[in-house]
Amino acid sequence: MKKLATVLVAVVAIEHVYILVLEMFLWTKPAGLNAFGLTPEFAAQTAVLAANQGLYNGFLAAGLVWALLSRERGQSLRLFFLGCVIVAGVFGALTAKPSILFVQAVPALLALIATLLANRKVS
C-alpha cells in the first residue's frame, strides 16, 4: 500500500507540473486553447491570470515532491498538500468547470486515502 500511495502522490505532482506548463507557457498556444476550451482572444486577455494560476499549481507540485522526499515530515506534508489540491479542485469545480473535480480533486483524494491506509497503525 505504501508503494501505491507514493505512486499516486507522484502522479498528482506530475499532473500539477503539467498544469503549470499549460497555464504558464501554453495558455495561448493550441495545446492550452484545446485543453481549456478557450478562444484565442480570451486566452490573450487572460494570459497573465493563467500564468499566476500556473505558478500556484507549481507550488502544489513542489510541496508534493517535498513530501515524497522528506523522511521526517513526509506523511504530514503529503496530507497537507493533498488536502490543498482537493480544496483547490473542489473550488475550481464549483466556480470554473465541473470537470476539475475529476481531473484534480479525485486523484488527490485517492492519493490521500492511500496515504492514510498505508500509514495506519494496526493493533
Protein backbone atom coordinates (compact mmCIF):
# COMPACT_ATOMS: atom_id res chain seq x y z
CA MET A 1 0.00 0.00 0.00
CA LYS A 2 2.89 2.37 0.69
CA LYS A 3 4.16 2.00 -2.88
CA LEU A 4 0.69 2.66 -4.26
CA ALA A 5 0.37 5.77 -2.08
CA THR A 6 3.76 7.01 -3.26
CA VAL A 7 2.88 6.42 -6.91
CA LEU A 8 -0.46 8.23 -6.54
CA VAL A 9 1.17 11.23 -4.83
CA ALA A 10 3.78 11.33 -7.60
CA VAL A 11 1.03 11.22 -10.26
CA VAL A 12 -0.72 14.19 -8.62
CA ALA A 13 2.59 16.10 -8.50
CA ILE A 14 3.30 15.35 -12.17
CA GLU A 15 -0.23 16.40 -13.09
CA HIS A 16 0.34 19.76 -11.41
CA VAL A 17 3.63 20.29 -13.21
CA TYR A 18 1.73 19.62 -16.44
CA ILE A 19 -0.96 22.13 -15.43
CA LEU A 20 1.79 24.66 -14.63
CA VAL A 21 3.22 24.24 -18.13
CA LEU A 22 -0.19 24.56 -19.76
CA GLU A 23 -1.15 27.66 -17.80
CA MET A 24 2.18 29.46 -17.75
CA PHE A 25 3.64 28.65 -21.15
CA LEU A 26 0.98 27.14 -23.42
CA TRP A 27 -2.14 29.12 -22.48
CA THR A 28 -2.31 30.96 -25.82
CA LYS A 29 -0.93 28.07 -27.88
CA PRO A 30 -3.01 25.28 -29.46
CA ALA A 31 -2.32 22.88 -26.57
CA GLY A 32 -3.58 25.38 -23.99
CA LEU A 33 -6.52 26.51 -26.10
CA ASN A 34 -7.62 22.90 -26.60
CA ALA A 35 -7.01 21.81 -23.00
CA PHE A 36 -9.12 24.61 -21.57
CA GLY A 37 -11.55 25.17 -24.44
CA LEU A 38 -10.51 28.79 -24.95
CA THR A 39 -10.76 31.17 -27.84
CA PRO A 40 -7.51 32.87 -28.87
CA GLU A 41 -8.98 36.25 -27.91
CA PHE A 42 -9.96 35.13 -24.39
CA ALA A 43 -6.62 33.39 -23.90
CA ALA A 44 -4.75 36.54 -24.86
CA GLN A 45 -6.82 38.62 -22.44
CA THR A 46 -6.32 36.20 -19.54
CA ALA A 47 -2.74 35.03 -20.08
CA VAL A 48 -1.35 36.88 -17.05
CA LEU A 49 -4.05 35.45 -14.79
CA ALA A 50 -3.40 31.96 -16.16
CA ALA A 51 0.32 32.31 -15.50
CA ASN A 52 -0.47 33.23 -11.90
CA GLN A 53 -2.69 30.14 -11.62
CA GLY A 54 0.07 28.04 -13.12
CA LEU A 55 2.53 29.29 -10.54
CA TYR A 56 0.21 28.18 -7.74
CA ASN A 57 -0.08 24.75 -9.34
CA GLY A 58 3.70 24.64 -9.38
CA PHE A 59 3.77 25.33 -5.66
CA LEU A 60 1.40 22.41 -5.10
CA ALA A 61 3.64 20.16 -7.18
CA ALA A 62 6.74 21.36 -5.31
CA GLY A 63 5.07 20.63 -1.98
CA LEU A 64 4.14 17.13 -3.08
CA VAL A 65 7.69 16.45 -4.29
CA TRP A 66 8.99 17.77 -0.97
CA ALA A 67 6.60 15.38 0.79
CA LEU A 68 7.86 12.47 -1.29
CA LEU A 69 11.49 13.27 -0.48
CA SER A 70 11.06 14.13 3.20
CA ARG A 71 11.96 11.37 5.62
CA GLU A 72 10.91 13.16 8.79
CA ARG A 73 7.73 15.01 7.81
CA GLY A 74 6.66 13.18 4.65
CA GLN A 75 3.31 11.95 5.98
CA SER A 76 2.26 15.36 7.31
CA LEU A 77 3.41 17.12 4.16
CA ARG A 78 1.56 14.66 1.94
CA LEU A 79 -1.64 15.13 3.89
CA PHE A 80 -1.34 18.91 3.86
CA PHE A 81 -0.54 19.32 0.16
CA LEU A 82 -3.04 16.68 -0.97
CA GLY A 83 -5.64 18.50 1.13
CA CYS A 84 -4.72 21.75 -0.62
CA VAL A 85 -5.13 20.09 -4.02
CA ILE A 86 -8.52 18.68 -3.02
CA VAL A 87 -9.75 22.08 -1.82
CA ALA A 88 -8.47 23.75 -4.99
CA GLY A 89 -10.15 21.08 -7.13
CA VAL A 90 -13.50 21.39 -5.36
CA PHE A 91 -13.35 25.19 -5.55
CA GLY A 92 -12.43 25.05 -9.23
CA ALA A 93 -15.28 22.64 -9.91
CA LEU A 94 -17.76 24.93 -8.18
CA THR A 95 -16.55 28.18 -9.69
CA ALA A 96 -14.95 27.41 -13.06
CA LYS A 97 -15.58 23.99 -14.60
CA PRO A 98 -17.18 20.90 -13.01
CA SER A 99 -14.71 18.51 -14.66
CA ILE A 100 -11.94 19.98 -12.48
CA LEU A 101 -13.36 17.85 -9.67
CA PHE A 102 -12.45 14.69 -11.56
CA VAL A 103 -9.19 15.93 -13.05
CA GLN A 104 -7.74 17.47 -9.90
CA ALA A 105 -9.64 16.63 -6.71
CA VAL A 106 -10.40 12.94 -7.25
CA PRO A 107 -6.79 11.86 -7.97
CA ALA A 108 -5.65 13.80 -4.89
CA LEU A 109 -8.40 12.21 -2.79
CA LEU A 110 -7.34 8.73 -3.93
CA ALA A 111 -3.72 9.57 -3.07
CA LEU A 112 -4.83 10.89 0.33
CA ILE A 113 -6.83 7.74 1.10
CA ALA A 114 -3.95 5.50 0.01
CA THR A 115 -1.55 7.53 2.17
CA LEU A 116 -3.80 7.20 5.21
CA LEU A 117 -4.29 3.47 4.68
CA ALA A 118 -0.58 2.88 4.12
CA ASN A 119 0.30 4.54 7.41
CA ARG A 120 -2.49 3.30 9.66
CA LYS A 121 -1.44 1.54 12.82
CA VAL A 122 -2.80 -1.97 13.11
CA SER A 123 -3.28 -3.19 16.69
